[in-house]
Protein backbone atom coordinates (compact mmCIF):
# COMPACT_ATOMS: atom_id res chain seq x y z
CA MET A 1 0.17 -0.04 -0.11
CA GLY A 2 1.28 3.38 -1.21
CA ALA A 3 1.93 6.25 1.84
CA VAL A 4 1.58 9.49 1.32
CA ASN A 5 3.48 11.80 0.72
CA ALA A 6 4.55 13.41 4.93
CA GLU A 7 7.95 14.10 5.69
CA GLY A 8 8.42 17.53 6.27
CA ARG A 9 9.88 19.85 9.40
CA PHE A 10 6.66 19.01 11.84
CA ALA A 11 6.12 15.63 10.32
CA ARG A 12 9.91 14.13 11.62
CA VAL A 13 9.43 16.00 15.00
CA ALA A 14 6.06 13.91 15.14
CA ALA A 15 7.26 10.99 14.52
CA ARG A 16 10.60 11.30 17.21
CA SER A 17 7.94 12.09 19.23
CA LEU A 18 6.45 8.03 18.68
CA SER A 19 9.08 6.42 17.37
CA SER A 20 7.59 6.03 14.10
CA ALA A 21 8.40 6.61 10.49
CA ALA A 22 6.96 9.31 9.13
CA SER A 23 6.84 8.59 4.92
CA ARG A 24 8.21 10.20 2.46
CA SER A 25 9.49 14.00 1.86
CA VAL A 26 6.64 17.09 0.93
CA SER A 27 7.08 20.26 -0.29
CA PRO A 28 6.79 22.45 2.73
CA SER A 29 4.23 24.85 1.93
CA ALA A 30 3.49 23.60 -1.99
CA GLY A 31 0.23 25.25 -3.63
CA ILE A 32 -0.95 27.04 -0.56
CA SER A 33 -0.40 30.84 -0.09
CA TRP A 34 -1.54 31.84 3.26
CA ARG A 35 -0.21 35.73 4.73
CA SER A 36 1.72 34.73 7.66
CA ILE A 37 5.68 34.67 9.00
CA PHE A 38 5.57 31.14 10.04
CA PRO A 39 5.37 28.18 7.77
CA VAL A 40 1.64 28.01 8.39
CA ALA A 41 1.22 25.39 5.18
CA GLU A 42 4.01 23.37 6.40
CA LEU A 43 2.29 22.12 9.59
CA ALA A 44 -0.98 21.81 7.76
CA LEU A 45 0.05 19.64 5.16
CA ASP A 46 2.27 17.75 7.78
CA SER A 47 0.00 17.57 9.90
CA VAL A 48 -2.61 15.50 7.37
CA GLY A 49 0.33 13.92 5.69
CA PHE A 50 0.97 12.55 9.13
CA VAL A 51 -1.86 10.88 9.79
CA SER A 52 -2.63 9.82 6.79
CA ALA A 53 0.76 7.81 6.86
CA GLN A 54 -0.60 5.87 9.56
CA LEU A 55 -3.96 5.11 8.39
CA ASP A 56 -1.86 3.59 5.54
CA ARG A 57 0.17 1.28 7.96
CA ALA A 58 -3.05 0.37 9.70
CA GLY A 59 -4.25 -0.72 6.56
CA ASP A 60 -0.70 -2.61 5.82
CA GLU A 61 -1.16 -4.18 9.72
CA ARG A 62 -4.85 -5.25 8.38
CA ASP A 63 -4.17 -6.44 4.59
CA VAL A 64 -6.46 -3.83 3.69
CA GLU A 65 -6.84 -4.38 0.02
CA PRO A 66 -4.97 -1.20 -1.72
CA SER A 67 -5.96 1.46 -3.98
CA ALA A 68 -3.84 3.78 -6.45
CA ASP A 69 -1.63 5.78 -4.14
CA ALA A 70 -2.93 8.66 -2.11
CA THR A 71 -1.17 12.17 -2.58
CA LEU A 72 -2.11 15.52 -0.66
CA ASP A 73 -3.83 17.82 -2.48
CA PRO A 74 -3.00 21.57 -1.04
CA ALA A 75 -6.32 23.35 -2.04
CA THR A 76 -8.55 20.66 -0.33
CA VAL A 77 -6.21 21.27 3.16
CA ALA A 78 -5.80 24.55 2.45
CA ALA A 79 -10.10 24.29 2.11
CA SER A 80 -9.84 22.37 5.19
CA PHE A 81 -7.96 24.39 7.77
CA GLY A 82 -9.86 27.60 6.81
CA SER A 83 -13.31 25.24 6.42
CA GLU A 84 -15.63 28.13 8.79
CA ARG A 85 -15.17 30.32 5.85
CA LEU A 86 -16.14 28.10 2.91
CA PHE A 87 -19.33 26.45 5.66
CA ARG A 88 -22.90 27.03 4.62
CA ILE A 89 -26.13 26.15 5.83
CA ASN A 90 -29.06 26.51 2.70
CA GLY A 91 -26.54 28.66 1.30
CA ALA A 92 -26.04 31.18 4.43
CA ALA A 93 -23.02 31.72 5.82
CA PRO A 94 -22.48 31.56 10.08
CA GLN A 95 -21.08 34.15 12.58
CA ILE A 96 -17.93 32.93 13.27
CA TRP A 97 -16.66 35.24 16.21
CA ALA A 98 -19.41 36.29 18.79
CA PRO A 99 -19.64 40.55 19.95
CA LEU A 100 -17.30 40.15 23.10
CA SER A 101 -14.62 37.77 21.41
CA GLY A 102 -11.23 39.80 20.46
CA PHE A 103 -8.55 41.67 21.34
CA PHE A 104 -9.30 44.86 23.55
CA ARG A 105 -6.39 47.40 24.72
CA ALA A 106 -5.12 46.85 28.61
CA GLU A 107 -2.95 49.69 30.38
CA ASP A 108 -0.15 48.33 29.87
CA GLY A 109 -1.04 46.89 26.32
CA TRP A 110 -3.94 44.21 24.77
CA VAL A 111 -5.58 41.07 25.94
CA ARG A 112 -7.66 38.75 23.79
CA THR A 113 -11.06 37.37 24.97
CA HIS A 114 -12.87 34.42 23.71
CA ALA A 115 -16.31 34.40 24.56
CA ASN A 116 -18.40 32.50 22.18
CA TYR A 117 -20.29 29.89 24.62
CA PRO A 118 -22.43 32.16 26.61
CA HIS A 119 -21.53 30.57 29.85
CA HIS A 120 -18.14 32.34 28.88
CA ALA A 121 -19.52 35.75 27.39
CA ALA A 122 -21.78 35.87 30.80
CA ALA A 123 -18.29 35.31 32.94
CA LEU A 124 -16.12 38.19 31.49
CA ARG A 125 -19.50 40.44 31.55
CA ALA A 126 -19.22 39.83 35.50
CA LEU A 127 -15.54 39.80 35.75
CA LEU A 128 -15.59 43.31 34.17
CA ASP A 129 -18.74 44.14 36.62
CA LEU A 130 -21.01 45.29 33.27
CA ASP A 131 -24.14 44.26 33.16
CA ALA A 132 -25.82 41.17 31.60
CA ASP A 133 -26.29 42.42 28.15
CA ALA A 134 -23.21 44.73 27.91
CA GLY A 135 -21.46 44.64 24.60
CA ALA A 136 -17.83 45.06 23.33
CA GLU A 137 -17.69 48.75 23.33
CA GLU A 138 -18.61 48.24 27.26
CA VAL A 139 -16.13 45.93 27.40
CA ARG A 140 -13.44 47.83 25.36
CA GLN A 141 -13.86 50.44 27.84
CA ALA A 142 -13.46 47.86 30.76
CA THR A 143 -10.56 46.07 29.91
CA ALA A 144 -8.99 49.94 29.34
CA ARG A 145 -8.47 50.29 33.33
CA TRP A 146 -6.96 47.03 33.61
CA GLY A 147 -3.32 45.44 33.59
CA ARG A 148 -2.99 42.89 31.16
CA PHE A 149 -1.80 40.76 33.22
CA ALA A 150 -3.87 41.32 36.43
CA LEU A 151 -7.12 40.61 34.17
CA GLU A 152 -5.74 37.53 32.76
CA GLU A 153 -5.49 36.01 36.40
CA ALA A 154 -8.87 37.40 37.79
CA ALA A 155 -10.41 35.42 34.70
CA VAL A 156 -8.88 32.13 35.86
CA GLY A 157 -11.06 32.11 39.21
CA ALA A 158 -14.27 33.53 37.46
CA GLY A 159 -14.63 31.51 35.08
CA ALA A 160 -13.93 33.53 32.01
CA VAL A 161 -10.94 33.38 28.95
CA VAL A 162 -8.52 36.19 28.75
CA ALA A 163 -5.19 36.05 27.37
CA ALA A 164 -2.48 38.66 28.15
CA VAL A 165 -1.05 39.18 24.74
CA ARG A 166 2.63 38.68 24.86
CA GLU A 167 5.75 38.95 23.29
CA GLN A 168 7.30 35.80 22.51
CA ALA A 169 10.23 36.56 24.51
CA GLU A 170 7.83 37.36 27.56
CA TRP A 171 6.51 33.90 26.78
CA ALA A 172 9.39 32.57 26.82
CA GLN A 173 10.40 32.75 30.58
CA HIS A 174 7.60 31.60 31.79
CA PRO A 175 7.20 28.31 33.67
CA GLN A 176 4.60 26.93 31.60
CA ALA A 177 6.59 27.38 28.36
CA GLU A 178 8.97 25.46 29.92
CA ALA A 179 7.10 22.81 30.80
CA LEU A 180 6.52 22.34 27.35
CA GLU A 181 9.57 22.66 25.94
CA ASN A 182 10.34 19.72 27.62
CA THR A 183 7.40 18.04 26.36
CA PRO A 184 7.71 16.01 22.98
CA LEU A 185 4.86 17.46 20.18
CA ILE A 186 2.59 13.94 21.41
CA GLY A 187 2.99 12.53 24.44
CA HIS A 188 2.63 8.48 24.30
CA ARG A 189 2.69 6.14 27.05
CA VAL A 190 1.49 2.56 27.72
CA SER A 191 -0.20 3.19 31.28
CA GLY A 192 -1.43 -0.44 32.34
CA ALA A 193 -1.15 -4.09 31.05
CA ALA A 194 -3.29 -5.38 28.71
CA ALA A 195 -3.77 -8.21 26.43
CA ALA A 196 -3.78 -7.49 22.64
CA ARG A 197 -6.95 -6.62 21.40
CA PRO A 198 -8.09 -8.33 17.53
CA TRP A 199 -8.62 -6.44 14.76
CA SER A 200 -12.46 -6.93 13.65
CA SER A 201 -12.26 -9.70 10.13
CA GLY A 202 -13.09 -8.65 6.38
CA ALA A 203 -11.54 -4.90 7.01
CA LEU A 204 -12.19 -2.24 3.80
CA LEU A 205 -10.73 0.71 5.47
CA PRO A 206 -7.70 0.85 8.03
CA LEU A 207 -10.22 1.39 10.81
CA ASP A 208 -13.12 -0.29 10.49
CA GLY A 209 -14.90 -2.49 13.19
CA VAL A 210 -12.95 0.37 15.45
CA ARG A 211 -15.53 1.95 18.37
CA VAL A 212 -14.68 5.71 18.97
CA LEU A 213 -16.15 8.02 22.13
CA ASP A 214 -16.02 11.22 21.79
CA LEU A 215 -15.88 13.35 24.65
CA THR A 216 -14.72 16.60 22.64
CA ARG A 217 -15.79 20.08 21.78
CA VAL A 218 -14.54 22.67 19.64
CA ILE A 219 -12.27 22.31 16.56
CA ALA A 220 -9.32 20.17 17.45
CA GLY A 221 -10.69 16.78 19.48
CA PRO A 222 -13.61 16.54 16.62
CA ILE A 223 -10.83 17.30 13.80
CA ALA A 224 -9.39 14.20 15.55
CA THR A 225 -12.67 12.01 15.67
CA ARG A 226 -13.11 13.29 12.11
CA ASP A 227 -10.34 11.61 10.67
CA LEU A 228 -11.13 8.54 12.93
CA ALA A 229 -14.64 8.28 11.07
CA SER A 230 -13.31 8.46 7.40
CA ALA A 231 -10.95 5.75 8.41
CA GLY A 232 -13.82 3.96 8.69
CA ALA A 233 -14.12 3.86 12.77
CA GLU A 234 -17.53 4.40 14.22
CA VAL A 235 -17.33 7.44 16.11
CA LEU A 236 -20.83 8.63 18.96
CA ARG A 237 -19.69 12.05 20.19
CA ILE A 238 -21.01 12.25 23.33
CA ASP A 239 -22.04 16.07 24.97
CA ASP A 240 -23.48 17.42 28.39
CA PRO A 241 -27.13 18.58 27.52
CA HIS A 242 -26.52 21.18 29.72
CA ARG A 243 -23.90 22.71 27.12
CA PRO A 244 -25.27 23.01 23.74
CA GLU A 245 -22.60 23.17 20.74
CA ALA A 246 -22.84 26.19 18.16
CA ASP A 247 -24.68 24.52 15.87
CA TRP A 248 -22.65 25.39 12.81
CA GLN A 249 -19.95 24.49 14.78
CA HIS A 250 -20.60 21.31 15.29
CA LEU A 251 -21.84 20.40 11.81
CA ASP A 252 -18.50 21.85 10.13
CA THR A 253 -16.68 18.93 12.17
CA GLY A 254 -19.43 16.56 12.80
CA GLN A 255 -19.34 14.48 9.30
CA ASN A 256 -19.27 10.85 9.52
CA LYS A 257 -19.99 10.68 12.85
CA ARG A 258 -23.36 10.41 15.30
CA THR A 259 -24.04 12.96 18.34
CA ALA A 260 -25.79 12.47 21.06
CA ARG A 261 -25.89 14.04 24.89
CA LEU A 262 -25.68 12.05 28.01
CA ASP A 263 -25.76 14.35 31.77
CA LEU A 264 -22.89 11.76 33.65
CA THR A 265 -24.31 13.10 36.81
CA VAL A 266 -27.38 11.56 36.37
CA ALA A 267 -27.29 7.73 36.67
CA ALA A 268 -29.40 6.54 34.55
CA ASP A 269 -27.37 8.54 31.76
CA ARG A 270 -23.96 7.62 33.48
CA ASP A 271 -25.51 3.54 33.24
CA VAL A 272 -25.94 4.49 29.01
CA PHE A 273 -22.41 5.88 29.42
CA ASP A 274 -20.64 3.00 31.12
CA ARG A 275 -22.23 0.51 28.68
CA LEU A 276 -20.82 2.22 25.34
CA LEU A 277 -17.21 2.26 27.35
CA ALA A 278 -17.21 -1.01 27.89
CA THR A 279 -17.00 -1.73 24.65
CA ALA A 280 -15.33 1.34 22.93
CA ASP A 281 -11.85 0.58 21.67
CA VAL A 282 -10.89 4.52 22.19
CA LEU A 283 -11.78 7.43 24.50
CA VAL A 284 -11.22 10.77 23.17
CA THR A 285 -11.44 13.67 25.75
CA GLY A 286 -11.09 17.55 25.08
CA TYR A 287 -11.56 18.92 28.74
CA ARG A 288 -8.84 20.19 30.53
CA PRO A 289 -6.65 17.81 32.54
CA THR A 290 -8.51 16.15 35.48
CA ALA A 291 -11.83 17.15 34.66
CA LEU A 292 -13.14 14.10 34.21
CA ASP A 293 -11.14 12.53 37.43
CA ARG A 294 -14.65 12.75 39.37
CA PHE A 295 -16.56 10.91 37.20
CA GLY A 296 -13.62 7.93 37.75
CA LEU A 297 -12.68 8.41 34.09
CA SER A 298 -8.62 9.58 34.84
CA PRO A 299 -6.17 7.17 32.40
CA ALA A 300 -5.02 5.37 35.29
CA ALA A 301 -8.75 4.64 36.45
CA LEU A 302 -9.62 3.81 32.59
CA ALA A 303 -6.64 1.57 32.31
CA GLU A 304 -7.43 -0.55 35.54
CA SER A 305 -11.59 -0.58 34.52
CA HIS A 306 -11.33 -1.18 30.86
CA PRO A 307 -7.37 -2.73 30.11
CA GLY A 308 -6.49 -2.43 26.53
CA LEU A 309 -8.34 1.09 25.87
CA VAL A 310 -6.62 3.91 23.79
CA ILE A 311 -7.40 7.31 25.25
CA GLY A 312 -6.71 10.30 23.43
CA SER A 313 -6.62 13.59 24.52
CA VAL A 314 -6.40 17.38 23.27
CA SER A 315 -5.79 20.32 25.61
CA ALA A 316 -4.42 24.03 25.51
CA TRP A 317 -1.85 23.60 28.06
CA GLY A 318 -0.60 20.45 28.17
CA SER A 319 -0.91 17.80 31.37
CA ARG A 320 2.44 19.61 33.20
CA GLY A 321 2.79 23.16 34.89
CA PRO A 322 1.00 25.68 36.51
CA TRP A 323 -1.34 26.03 34.12
CA SER A 324 -2.36 22.81 32.74
CA ARG A 325 -6.14 22.94 34.32
CA ARG A 326 -6.86 26.36 32.51
CA ARG A 327 -9.10 27.01 29.71
CA GLY A 328 -7.85 27.75 26.20
CA PHE A 329 -8.59 27.83 23.08
CA ASP A 330 -6.42 28.35 19.31
CA SER A 331 -7.16 32.52 19.36
CA ILE A 332 -6.07 32.42 23.23
CA VAL A 333 -2.90 30.01 22.64
CA GLN A 334 -1.59 32.58 19.83
CA ALA A 335 -2.19 35.34 21.86
CA THR A 336 -0.21 34.06 24.68
CA ILE A 337 2.83 32.52 23.14
CA GLY A 338 3.60 35.93 20.81
CA ILE A 339 2.20 34.24 17.40
CA ALA A 340 -0.76 37.51 17.74
CA LEU A 341 2.43 40.41 18.40
CA ALA A 342 5.02 38.91 15.68
CA GLU A 343 2.06 38.91 13.00
CA GLN A 344 0.77 42.46 14.06
CA GLY A 345 4.61 43.80 13.49
CA ALA A 346 5.04 41.51 10.43
CA GLN A 347 1.75 42.89 8.76
CA GLY A 348 1.75 46.18 9.97
CA THR A 349 -1.63 45.96 11.74
CA GLN A 350 -2.89 48.19 14.55
CA ALA A 351 -4.45 45.66 16.61
CA PRO A 352 -2.21 41.83 17.09
CA GLY A 353 -2.81 39.66 14.37
CA ALA A 354 -3.43 35.84 13.79
CA LEU A 355 -2.76 33.21 11.77
CA PRO A 356 -4.33 33.08 8.15
CA VAL A 357 -6.51 29.90 9.88
CA GLN A 358 -7.20 28.16 13.59
CA ALA A 359 -4.06 26.12 12.78
CA LEU A 360 -3.32 25.26 15.81
CA ASP A 361 -6.46 23.19 16.29
CA HIS A 362 -6.66 21.89 13.25
CA ALA A 363 -2.83 20.93 13.14
CA SER A 364 -3.46 18.97 16.66
CA GLY A 365 -6.38 17.13 15.59
CA HIS A 366 -4.63 15.54 12.68
CA LEU A 367 -1.74 14.81 15.07
CA LEU A 368 -3.56 13.19 17.92
CA ALA A 369 -5.70 11.06 15.05
CA ALA A 370 -2.25 10.43 13.75
CA ALA A 371 -1.12 9.19 17.66
CA ILE A 372 -4.83 7.64 18.19
CA VAL A 373 -3.91 5.38 14.99
CA HIS A 374 -0.76 4.66 15.94
CA ALA A 375 -1.41 3.48 19.22
CA LEU A 376 -3.91 1.64 18.17
CA VAL A 377 -1.80 -0.22 15.95
CA ALA A 378 0.14 -1.16 18.76
CA GLN A 379 -2.33 -2.19 21.20
CA ARG A 380 -3.06 -4.83 18.54
CA THR A 381 0.46 -5.96 18.11
CA ASP A 382 2.19 -5.78 21.81
CA GLY A 383 -1.35 -5.35 24.44
CA GLY A 384 -0.96 -2.69 26.90
CA SER A 385 -3.33 -0.20 27.45
CA HIS A 386 -2.19 3.45 25.83
CA GLU A 387 -2.37 7.07 26.41
CA VAL A 388 -1.58 9.89 23.36
CA SER A 389 -1.65 13.54 24.27
CA VAL A 390 -1.75 17.06 22.45
CA ALA A 391 -1.73 20.46 23.69
CA LEU A 392 -2.36 23.63 21.48
CA ALA A 393 0.52 25.16 23.06
CA ARG A 394 3.08 22.61 22.39
CA THR A 395 2.31 23.03 18.60
CA GLY A 396 2.06 26.59 18.42
CA MET A 397 5.66 26.97 19.96
CA GLU A 398 6.51 24.06 17.41
CA LEU A 399 5.26 26.75 15.14
CA ALA A 400 6.67 29.61 16.42
CA ARG A 401 10.55 28.39 16.58
CA HIS A 402 10.38 27.84 12.25
CA HIS A 403 9.41 31.43 11.35
CA ASP A 404 12.31 33.49 9.22
CA GLY A 405 10.64 36.61 9.82
CA SER A 406 9.51 36.69 5.80
CA VAL A 407 5.56 37.83 5.24
CA ILE A 408 4.37 35.66 2.19
CA ALA A 409 2.00 36.99 -0.14
CA ASP A 410 -1.88 35.64 -0.22
CA VAL A 411 -2.24 34.59 -3.28
CA GLY A 412 -5.02 31.92 -3.21
CA GLY A 413 -7.32 30.46 -5.21
CA PRO A 414 -10.84 29.42 -5.52
CA LEU A 415 -10.62 26.40 -2.79
CA PRO A 416 -12.84 23.03 -3.09
CA THR A 417 -16.45 22.35 -1.35
CA THR A 418 -18.60 20.05 -1.07
CA THR A 419 -22.31 19.45 -0.44
CA LEU A 420 -24.42 16.96 1.51
CA GLN A 421 -28.05 16.54 3.17
CA LEU A 422 -28.35 16.85 7.04
CA ASN A 423 -30.65 14.61 8.68
CA ASP A 424 -33.77 17.25 8.98
CA GLY A 425 -32.96 17.79 5.12
CA ALA A 426 -31.20 21.12 5.29
CA THR A 427 -28.05 21.56 2.72
CA LEU A 428 -24.40 21.95 4.16
CA THR A 429 -21.58 23.53 2.08
CA CYS A 430 -18.16 22.06 3.81
CA ALA A 431 -14.95 21.86 2.88
CA PRO A 432 -14.28 18.22 1.73
CA PRO A 433 -12.67 15.49 3.39
CA PRO A 434 -8.23 16.51 3.36
CA LEU A 435 -6.84 12.85 4.64
CA ALA A 436 -4.96 11.18 1.56
CA PHE A 437 -4.79 7.32 2.53
CA SER A 438 -4.83 5.00 0.32
CA GLY A 439 -8.63 4.30 -0.13
CA ALA A 440 -9.70 7.62 1.75
CA PRO A 441 -12.70 8.83 0.84
CA THR A 442 -13.49 12.24 -1.46
CA GLY A 443 -16.57 12.81 -0.08
CA TRP A 444 -18.42 12.59 3.47
CA GLY A 445 -20.76 9.94 3.65
CA PHE A 446 -23.36 12.19 6.70
CA VAL A 447 -23.89 14.31 9.09
CA HIS A 448 -26.28 15.02 11.72
CA ARG A 449 -27.78 18.16 13.76
CA TRP A 450 -25.90 18.32 17.37
CA GLY A 451 -27.17 15.82 19.94
CA THR A 452 -29.79 14.30 17.50
CA ASP A 453 -28.61 10.55 17.57
CA ALA A 454 -29.57 7.48 20.81
CA ALA A 455 -26.85 7.10 22.83
CA ALA A 456 -26.02 3.68 21.05
CA TRP A 457 -23.20 1.93 19.25
CA SER A 458 -25.07 1.20 15.24
CA ALA A 459 -26.16 -2.08 14.90
CA ASN A 460 -24.40 -3.48 12.75
CA GLY A 461 -21.24 -2.17 14.80
């Protein structure tokens, strides 16, 4: 089976993290022209290529009938990384950023807020002592009376999401940066003894017969589980009914997955979840480290209660260091680690800048999927319970260390899209599948509205 080209700088770092071959070489940014001083295109191609190469390896292990050699299509990768700009429901574009999400001036610089979720917006208003209907102008006036670091710290206790915008040199001296510098791009460890589980027979795709419980939100985690679904895995996403997901955001990354709601604090729902977990092969989480421990879902507890399980996790700041339990999103990480100010300086904008796409989310998602596939192959070969992990900040720091200060001109052309019907009859326009493993689909099979499926594995799973 032919392996996709995927051995640029970031793929080599990822491969070292897993002691795995990455595959052949790829032109660093062929076919993608994004305006950035950072090699975002190379990160995008490498991350998609790396998970594709791992899926080819899994297909080889299962004797999946090979198809023609797959190659990365840069335009499709670019479309996928910027998918929210192409997304339409019945021709209508979504509102991507809420009014209170953005850069605001502080007394001594800038802060970046993330308030796309209503509970985060409410927490931000409360922190700033504003009325429940206060808008961006009121937030602008309030943040101007704070120091950036004081507001960042106050937000932690208030449940709001606020980052002090830092220079790269400032971040380099932070204890969390130190903790991340000493961790691999992808974490992997065998966390307990377990017999090797068998693959199912008759696989047509590399992950046919693999069951994945998806406890992730926003972008990175859902990208990872969508990769697994694209390769044949049955993915069931489970969400807390009290924390609804933005409809468009789920649909943009929910293709080929089913989606249900369970409240793990309710005994009946917890029983359903436990029955699902008992026959799952993979559990993927996107909550802050230790957040699920109170439900008995820590990696150590899971290795003991469900030997042979592969656990994948994505977080903003990693599992070590003083910020390991902090909230974070792609935009928050960019602001914190110095990317936003570096882009401002290079592009000459009045406010801090941003990467041309939410590359930390997308790349981290693909890297996590690659790690899960690698762990599945290792589990089926040598046994054990496996933990793999990625952190947005660690991905961002890897990207940031490779910039040379030059700005790539934005001269990209039209990007591909695909359409499909939702389970309620609406028409969805979105980016096509970006993966390039042997037998990879060129279109999506289905997509369902958030939380509209039964919390059960499929009858033929």
